[in-house]
Amino acid sequence: MAVIGVGHLGKEHARILASLPDVELVGVADVNAEQVQAVARRLGVPAFTEYWPLLNLVDAATVVVPTRFHFQVAAEFLRRGIPLLVEKPLAAALDEAETLAEMAARHGAALQVGHIERFNPAFEDLVSRPLQPKFITCERLGPFTGRSTDIGVVHDLMIHDLDLLLTLVGAPVVSVEALGVSLFGPHEDVASARLHFANGCVANVTASRASAAPCRKMHVWAPEGYARLDYQKRTLTLVQPSALIRQQGLDPNKLEPALRATLRDDLFTKHFERVQIDGHGQDQLTCELRHFIQCVRTGSRPRVNGADACAALRVAQRILECVRSHAWNGDAVGPVGPSQLPTPIGPLFADRPQQDAA
């Protein structure tokens, strides 16, 4: 195997692959000569500043270059039938992603896409349970890192939750409402969307790369109960009504005054059952890479294949169309889209006094 692109995330791909006893890492490639040499020296493998010499050396590869180069690099491997794990999103544009998925199918090459949250133990546990989601909220917030500035926050962060929602809900999206704001450049850096699914489920999804603190959470309400996922802590909290509540219901107005007075304290001990699952012991990237290797060896379907990645990108495209056409004043005459906002009417709070220069 080889890793194409050994920046912030790619170097971790290379580190893990080099540690696996059943994988030979034959090289790493990156246009940044200093970076690729440093990674190669640390792992004891050859370094390349071009990816094409690796085309004849590998059985499979991972592509971890900036999104705008995904199509160019991945297409060269796929047209030779070489299996790939491509980091999310699969491509910068939906038509490019669809072409890559079609190429993989035509040449019989496994194509896995790096939607790593599918390997989060909390999500793995949730999707194994009987659940009919009817209302979901997702928050994926983080500070500005300076990475992935060639794409906006919808393709950078929200795409994770779009893939998870499609997996969990199991129904197509029928309508989309969305808006977003650009803060650091031409792309949206904060975005929020409301999705309506064909089976009646509704989801609110928010993503930001301009938050003071990270937050990656999902809340799910269903007839079976409630679930809260913390992707960062890899924990899943489940709440369900007790057997008595499921059979008879709970109407506070029909309770005797003494029982009603204790309802608040007894709610999560007698009336609602709660359990928390902790998945700290699992490294998601290692699991994702091992899964890809197993798919290459056995010919089995990757957990997140090209079709799955394209489905998430289709929803992302609909969200971006809404973000770019949103009229902030309710009409087309005023500001429209993430880079145009109404003129501020003043500061939100009093400016702090300037400190005297030293």
Foldseek 3Di string as FASTA:
>chain_A
DEEEDCPPVRLVVVVLQLPDPVHDHAEYEDLPVVVRVVSCVVSVHYYYPDCVVCLVVDQAYEYDDQQQCLLVVLVVNLLVQRAYEYEFLNHPALVSLVVSQVSCVVSLHAYHYRLLLCLLLQLVVVQVDDFAFAEKEKEWEAAADVPNPVAEQCRVPVLSVLLSCCSRNVFAWDDKAKAFADDPDDHGAKMWMWTATPVNHIYIYIYHHHDPHGFTKMWTQGPQFIWIAGSVQSKIKTKGFDPVCVVPNDDLVPDDPVCSVCCVVCVDPPTMDMDMDGDPPDDRVSVQVVQSVVCSVPVDHRPHGSVSSSSSVVVSVNRQVNHQAPAQVPDPVADGHRHGDPDDPDDPDDDDDDDDDD
